[in-house]
């Protein structure tokens, strides 16, 4: 019998994206490897989105919904910081509800559990829906297209949450820390940022 403990947690930042919740949740439910957790964190109160997400995930304890009393801004980075503290899975992906993940995303991560960071290319709306050729540097990476060992993410932390390139600066800090020793870039597109 194989271990069914979750291997990756998705911190899913959202801000009123009703139309994208069914797509994100559907993509996660289609994963061929079911060993994941999703924490939806809405930046400010939103009873309608809460109701929608809870109805789409009813009875599935892999999905959790949290919301702030008020909007914190900064692309949800303060929520990312708070959520990161509670993650216990080996890997974490910090994403938004605007992403769609290929059904093989978790299984690809599972193949590479000896790595400190697993990176993949993505199709990205900010690049006119072209492929973002990912690299571990500012403006060449997005929160959504890498899985990082949770202990490394927690040790390094998000130090510049109000910066537009907080994701790239976080990766820059991770590289500078010397903790990213065993890395891999997959030759696959595992996500689309809508």
C-alpha atoms as a PDB file:
ATOM      1  CA  UNK A   1       0.000   0.000   0.000  1.00  0.00           C
ATOM      2  CA  UNK A   2       1.342   3.437  -0.935  1.00  0.00           C
ATOM      3  CA  UNK A   3       1.442   6.418   1.419  1.00  0.00           C
ATOM      4  CA  UNK A   4      -1.553   8.664   0.711  1.00  0.00           C
ATOM      5  CA  UNK A   5      -0.334  11.590   2.829  1.00  0.00           C
ATOM      6  CA  UNK A   6      -0.492  14.883   0.932  1.00  0.00           C
ATOM      7  CA  UNK A   7       2.812  15.883  -0.631  1.00  0.00           C
ATOM      8  CA  UNK A   8       1.951  19.435  -1.680  1.00  0.00           C
ATOM      9  CA  UNK A   9      -0.215  22.269  -0.380  1.00  0.00           C
ATOM     10  CA  UNK A  10      -1.561  24.971  -2.663  1.00  0.00           C
ATOM     11  CA  UNK A  11      -1.982  28.391  -1.064  1.00  0.00           C
ATOM     12  CA  UNK A  12      -4.681  29.798  -3.358  1.00  0.00           C
ATOM     13  CA  UNK A  13      -5.061  33.571  -3.148  1.00  0.00           C
ATOM     14  CA  UNK A  14      -8.383  34.875  -4.414  1.00  0.00           C
ATOM     15  CA  UNK A  15     -10.253  38.147  -4.661  1.00  0.00           C
ATOM     16  CA  UNK A  16     -13.813  37.724  -5.911  1.00  0.00           C
ATOM     17  CA  UNK A  17     -13.050  35.546  -8.946  1.00  0.00           C
ATOM     18  CA  UNK A  18     -16.394  33.691  -9.053  1.00  0.00           C
ATOM     19  CA  UNK A  19     -15.965  32.608 -12.664  1.00  0.00           C
ATOM     20  CA  UNK A  20     -12.587  31.004 -11.971  1.00  0.00           C
ATOM     21  CA  UNK A  21     -13.377  28.992  -8.854  1.00  0.00           C
ATOM     22  CA  UNK A  22     -15.101  26.133 -10.758  1.00  0.00           C
ATOM     23  CA  UNK A  23     -12.197  25.902 -13.239  1.00  0.00           C
ATOM     24  CA  UNK A  24      -9.521  25.836 -10.535  1.00  0.00           C
ATOM     25  CA  UNK A  25     -11.372  23.320  -8.381  1.00  0.00           C
ATOM     26  CA  UNK A  26     -12.227  21.187 -11.411  1.00  0.00           C
ATOM     27  CA  UNK A  27      -8.566  21.103 -12.447  1.00  0.00           C
ATOM     28  CA  UNK A  28      -7.563  20.025  -8.951  1.00  0.00           C
ATOM     29  CA  UNK A  29     -10.211  17.314  -8.773  1.00  0.00           C
ATOM     30  CA  UNK A  30      -8.889  15.960 -12.097  1.00  0.00           C
ATOM     31  CA  UNK A  31      -5.382  15.409 -10.705  1.00  0.00           C
ATOM     32  CA  UNK A  32      -4.213  11.857 -11.336  1.00  0.00           C
ATOM     33  CA  UNK A  33      -2.379  11.939  -7.987  1.00  0.00           C
ATOM     34  CA  UNK A  34      -4.770  13.064  -5.258  1.00  0.00           C
ATOM     35  CA  UNK A  35      -2.129  13.841  -2.591  1.00  0.00           C
ATOM     36  CA  UNK A  36      -2.659  17.589  -2.255  1.00  0.00           C
ATOM     37  CA  UNK A  37      -4.298  20.210  -0.062  1.00  0.00           C
ATOM     38  CA  UNK A  38      -5.725  23.582  -1.152  1.00  0.00           C
ATOM     39  CA  UNK A  39      -6.126  26.552   1.159  1.00  0.00           C
ATOM     40  CA  UNK A  40      -8.254  29.229  -0.519  1.00  0.00           C
ATOM     41  CA  UNK A  41      -7.552  32.576   1.111  1.00  0.00           C
ATOM     42  CA  UNK A  42      -9.841  35.407   0.070  1.00  0.00           C
ATOM     43  CA  UNK A  43      -8.465  38.901   0.620  1.00  0.00           C
ATOM     44  CA  UNK A  44     -11.431  40.439   2.425  1.00  0.00           C
ATOM     45  CA  UNK A  45     -14.900  39.097   3.270  1.00  0.00           C
ATOM     46  CA  UNK A  46     -16.830  37.434   0.455  1.00  0.00           C
ATOM     47  CA  UNK A  47     -19.770  35.281   1.569  1.00  0.00           C
ATOM     48  CA  UNK A  48     -20.813  34.522  -2.024  1.00  0.00           C
ATOM     49  CA  UNK A  49     -17.427  33.101  -3.017  1.00  0.00           C
ATOM     50  CA  UNK A  50     -17.223  31.201   0.271  1.00  0.00           C
ATOM     51  CA  UNK A  51     -20.618  29.607  -0.464  1.00  0.00           C
ATOM     52  CA  UNK A  52     -19.584  28.715  -4.045  1.00  0.00           C
ATOM     53  CA  UNK A  53     -16.255  27.163  -3.020  1.00  0.00           C
ATOM     54  CA  UNK A  54     -17.826  25.276  -0.136  1.00  0.00           C
ATOM     55  CA  UNK A  55     -20.554  23.906  -2.437  1.00  0.00           C
ATOM     56  CA  UNK A  56     -17.974  22.799  -5.032  1.00  0.00           C
ATOM     57  CA  UNK A  57     -15.778  21.094  -2.418  1.00  0.00           C
ATOM     58  CA  UNK A  58     -18.402  19.754  -0.016  1.00  0.00           C
ATOM     59  CA  UNK A  59     -17.246  16.586   1.728  1.00  0.00           C
ATOM     60  CA  UNK A  60     -13.680  16.901   0.397  1.00  0.00           C
ATOM     61  CA  UNK A  61     -11.332  17.768   3.260  1.00  0.00           C
ATOM     62  CA  UNK A  62      -8.487  18.583   0.857  1.00  0.00           C
ATOM     63  CA  UNK A  63     -10.064  22.040   0.392  1.00  0.00           C
ATOM     64  CA  UNK A  64     -10.222  24.805   3.026  1.00  0.00           C
ATOM     65  CA  UNK A  65     -11.577  28.354   2.708  1.00  0.00           C
ATOM     66  CA  UNK A  66     -10.334  31.305   4.794  1.00  0.00           C
ATOM     67  CA  UNK A  67     -11.044  35.011   4.418  1.00  0.00           C
ATOM     68  CA  UNK A  68      -9.729  38.214   5.960  1.00  0.00           C
ATOM     69  CA  UNK A  69     -11.940  40.784   7.683  1.00  0.00           C
ATOM     70  CA  UNK A  70     -10.596  43.350   5.212  1.00  0.00           C
ATOM     71  CA  UNK A  71      -8.506  43.547   2.050  1.00  0.00           C
ATOM     72  CA  UNK A  72      -4.754  43.575   2.728  1.00  0.00           C
ATOM     73  CA  UNK A  73      -3.747  44.320  -0.881  1.00  0.00           C
ATOM     74  CA  UNK A  74      -0.231  43.579  -2.129  1.00  0.00           C
ATOM     75  CA  UNK A  75      -1.389  40.726  -4.379  1.00  0.00           C
ATOM     76  CA  UNK A  76      -2.329  38.654  -1.357  1.00  0.00           C
ATOM     77  CA  UNK A  77       1.263  38.409  -0.125  1.00  0.00           C
ATOM     78  CA  UNK A  78       0.313  39.041   3.515  1.00  0.00           C
ATOM     79  CA  UNK A  79      -2.121  36.125   3.213  1.00  0.00           C
ATOM     80  CA  UNK A  80       0.622  34.011   1.633  1.00  0.00           C
ATOM     81  CA  UNK A  81       2.861  34.777   4.623  1.00  0.00           C
ATOM     82  CA  UNK A  82       0.139  33.818   7.114  1.00  0.00           C
ATOM     83  CA  UNK A  83      -0.814  30.628   5.258  1.00  0.00           C
ATOM     84  CA  UNK A  84       2.787  29.508   4.816  1.00  0.00           C
ATOM     85  CA  UNK A  85       3.210  29.261   8.590  1.00  0.00           C
ATOM     86  CA  UNK A  86       0.604  26.474   8.780  1.00  0.00           C
ATOM     87  CA  UNK A  87       1.832  24.284   5.912  1.00  0.00           C
ATOM     88  CA  UNK A  88       3.115  20.832   6.926  1.00  0.00           C
ATOM     89  CA  UNK A  89       3.308  19.051   3.554  1.00  0.00           C
ATOM     90  CA  UNK A  90       6.758  18.501   2.018  1.00  0.00           C
ATOM     91  CA  UNK A  91       6.063  21.025  -0.789  1.00  0.00           C
ATOM     92  CA  UNK A  92       4.092  24.224  -1.209  1.00  0.00           C
ATOM     93  CA  UNK A  93       2.822  26.041  -4.290  1.00  0.00           C
ATOM     94  CA  UNK A  94       1.728  29.631  -3.812  1.00  0.00           C
ATOM     95  CA  UNK A  95      -0.829  30.395  -6.484  1.00  0.00           C
ATOM     96  CA  UNK A  96      -4.060  32.206  -7.258  1.00  0.00           C
ATOM     97  CA  UNK A  97      -7.509  30.989  -8.177  1.00  0.00           C
ATOM     98  CA  UNK A  98      -6.754  32.181 -11.742  1.00  0.00           C
ATOM     99  CA  UNK A  99      -4.498  29.187 -12.415  1.00  0.00           C
ATOM    100  CA  UNK A 100      -5.384  25.889 -14.005  1.00  0.00           C
ATOM    101  CA  UNK A 101      -3.094  22.907 -13.393  1.00  0.00           C
ATOM    102  CA  UNK A 102      -2.572  19.988 -15.779  1.00  0.00           C
ATOM    103  CA  UNK A 103      -3.963  16.682 -14.444  1.00  0.00           C
ATOM    104  CA  UNK A 104      -0.389  15.368 -14.108  1.00  0.00           C
ATOM    105  CA  UNK A 105       0.919  18.260 -11.963  1.00  0.00           C
ATOM    106  CA  UNK A 106       0.915  16.429  -8.610  1.00  0.00           C
ATOM    107  CA  UNK A 107       2.216  13.208 -10.165  1.00  0.00           C
ATOM    108  CA  UNK A 108       5.133  15.148 -11.707  1.00  0.00           C
ATOM    109  CA  UNK A 109       5.963  16.654  -8.315  1.00  0.00           C
ATOM    110  CA  UNK A 110       5.733  13.178  -6.760  1.00  0.00           C
ATOM    111  CA  UNK A 111       8.386  11.880  -9.188  1.00  0.00           C
ATOM    112  CA  UNK A 112      10.889  14.477  -7.976  1.00  0.00           C
ATOM    113  CA  UNK A 113      10.548  14.485  -4.194  1.00  0.00           C
ATOM    114  CA  UNK A 114      14.329  14.538  -3.814  1.00  0.00           C
ATOM    115  CA  UNK A 115      14.412  18.102  -5.228  1.00  0.00           C
ATOM    116  CA  UNK A 116      14.415  21.365  -3.299  1.00  0.00           C
ATOM    117  CA  UNK A 117      12.453  23.182  -5.993  1.00  0.00           C
ATOM    118  CA  UNK A 118      10.554  21.888  -9.006  1.00  0.00           C
ATOM    119  CA  UNK A 119       9.958  24.483 -11.728  1.00  0.00           C
ATOM    120  CA  UNK A 120       7.949  24.315 -14.951  1.00  0.00           C
ATOM    121  CA  UNK A 121       7.020  26.633 -17.791  1.00  0.00           C
ATOM    122  CA  UNK A 122       3.545  28.151 -17.878  1.00  0.00           C
ATOM    123  CA  UNK A 123       1.227  29.881 -20.295  1.00  0.00           C
ATOM    124  CA  UNK A 124       0.774  33.337 -18.772  1.00  0.00           C
ATOM    125  CA  UNK A 125      -1.770  36.082 -19.421  1.00  0.00           C
ATOM    126  CA  UNK A 126       0.774  38.831 -18.666  1.00  0.00           C
ATOM    127  CA  UNK A 127       2.842  37.580 -21.610  1.00  0.00           C
ATOM    128  CA  UNK A 128      -0.036  37.610 -24.133  1.00  0.00           C
ATOM    129  CA  UNK A 129      -0.750  33.936 -23.369  1.00  0.00           C
ATOM    130  CA  UNK A 130       2.657  32.907 -24.620  1.00  0.00           C
ATOM    131  CA  UNK A 131       4.879  30.474 -22.765  1.00  0.00           C
ATOM    132  CA  UNK A 132       6.802  31.958 -19.850  1.00  0.00           C
ATOM    133  CA  UNK A 133      10.190  30.249 -20.058  1.00  0.00           C
ATOM    134  CA  UNK A 134      10.771  30.024 -16.345  1.00  0.00           C
ATOM    135  CA  UNK A 135      14.043  30.607 -14.536  1.00  0.00           C
ATOM    136  CA  UNK A 136      14.976  31.262 -10.911  1.00  0.00           C
ATOM    137  CA  UNK A 137      15.153  35.043 -11.238  1.00  0.00           C
ATOM    138  CA  UNK A 138      13.029  38.184 -11.084  1.00  0.00           C
ATOM    139  CA  UNK A 139      10.575  38.551 -14.000  1.00  0.00           C
ATOM    140  CA  UNK A 140      11.250  34.963 -15.134  1.00  0.00           C
ATOM    141  CA  UNK A 141       9.068  33.195 -12.571  1.00  0.00           C
ATOM    142  CA  UNK A 142       5.552  33.336 -11.178  1.00  0.00           C
ATOM    143  CA  UNK A 143       4.238  32.104  -7.822  1.00  0.00           C
ATOM    144  CA  UNK A 144       2.164  29.507  -9.642  1.00  0.00           C
ATOM    145  CA  UNK A 145       4.841  27.648 -11.564  1.00  0.00           C
ATOM    146  CA  UNK A 146       7.098  26.151  -8.953  1.00  0.00           C
ATOM    147  CA  UNK A 147       6.793  23.772  -6.026  1.00  0.00           C
ATOM    148  CA  UNK A 148       9.317  24.476  -3.305  1.00  0.00           C
ATOM    149  CA  UNK A 149      10.232  22.429  -0.271  1.00  0.00           C
ATOM    150  CA  UNK A 150       8.071  23.887   2.505  1.00  0.00           C
ATOM    151  CA  UNK A 151      10.874  24.068   5.051  1.00  0.00           C
ATOM    152  CA  UNK A 152      12.918  26.212   2.656  1.00  0.00           C
ATOM    153  CA  UNK A 153       9.990  28.529   1.909  1.00  0.00           C
ATOM    154  CA  UNK A 154       9.317  28.925   5.634  1.00  0.00           C
ATOM    155  CA  UNK A 155      12.996  29.529   6.464  1.00  0.00           C
ATOM    156  CA  UNK A 156      13.518  32.152   3.747  1.00  0.00           C
ATOM    157  CA  UNK A 157      10.081  33.780   4.025  1.00  0.00           C
ATOM    158  CA  UNK A 158       8.513  36.463   1.874  1.00  0.00           C
ATOM    159  CA  UNK A 159      10.522  39.552   2.799  1.00  0.00           C
ATOM    160  CA  UNK A 160       9.137  42.088   0.305  1.00  0.00           C
ATOM    161  CA  UNK A 161       5.375  41.456   0.180  1.00  0.00           C
ATOM    162  CA  UNK A 162       4.461  44.892  -1.173  1.00  0.00           C
ATOM    163  CA  UNK A 163       6.766  44.702  -4.209  1.00  0.00           C
ATOM    164  CA  UNK A 164       5.198  43.958  -7.596  1.00  0.00           C
ATOM    165  CA  UNK A 165       7.842  41.267  -8.210  1.00  0.00           C
ATOM    166  CA  UNK A 166       7.498  39.693  -4.742  1.00  0.00           C
ATOM    167  CA  UNK A 167       7.582  36.225  -6.333  1.00  0.00           C
ATOM    168  CA  UNK A 168      10.864  36.889  -8.137  1.00  0.00           C
ATOM    169  CA  UNK A 169      12.393  38.523  -5.076  1.00  0.00           C
ATOM    170  CA  UNK A 170      11.330  35.538  -2.951  1.00  0.00           C
ATOM    171  CA  UNK A 171      13.093  33.202  -5.410  1.00  0.00           C
ATOM    172  CA  UNK A 172      16.129  35.500  -5.457  1.00  0.00           C
ATOM    173  CA  UNK A 173      16.254  35.257  -1.649  1.00  0.00           C
ATOM    174  CA  UNK A 174      15.883  31.462  -1.820  1.00  0.00           C
ATOM    175  CA  UNK A 175      18.787  31.206  -4.271  1.00  0.00           C
ATOM    176  CA  UNK A 176      20.923  33.560  -2.143  1.00  0.00           C
ATOM    177  CA  UNK A 177      20.190  31.474   0.967  1.00  0.00           C
ATOM    178  CA  UNK A 178      22.123  28.537  -0.500  1.00  0.00           C
ATOM    179  CA  UNK A 179      19.255  26.188   0.453  1.00  0.00           C
ATOM    180  CA  UNK A 180      18.251  25.399  -3.140  1.00  0.00           C
ATOM    181  CA  UNK A 181      20.836  22.707  -3.808  1.00  0.00           C
ATOM    182  CA  UNK A 182      18.978  20.030  -5.753  1.00  0.00           C
ATOM    183  CA  UNK A 183      16.703  21.686  -8.334  1.00  0.00           C
ATOM    184  CA  UNK A 184      14.907  20.627 -11.504  1.00  0.00           C
ATOM    185  CA  UNK A 185      13.151  22.405 -14.345  1.00  0.00           C
ATOM    186  CA  UNK A 186      10.608  20.110 -15.964  1.00  0.00           C
ATOM    187  CA  UNK A 187      10.266  20.086 -19.714  1.00  0.00           C
ATOM    188  CA  UNK A 188       6.482  20.383 -19.419  1.00  0.00           C
ATOM    189  CA  UNK A 189       3.850  23.092 -19.170  1.00  0.00           C
ATOM    190  CA  UNK A 190       1.936  22.222 -16.014  1.00  0.00           C
ATOM    191  CA  UNK A 191      -0.111  25.397 -15.519  1.00  0.00           C
ATOM    192  CA  UNK A 192      -1.960  28.189 -17.265  1.00  0.00           C
ATOM    193  CA  UNK A 193      -2.367  31.601 -15.639  1.00  0.00           C
ATOM    194  CA  UNK A 194      -5.600  33.107 -16.922  1.00  0.00           C
END
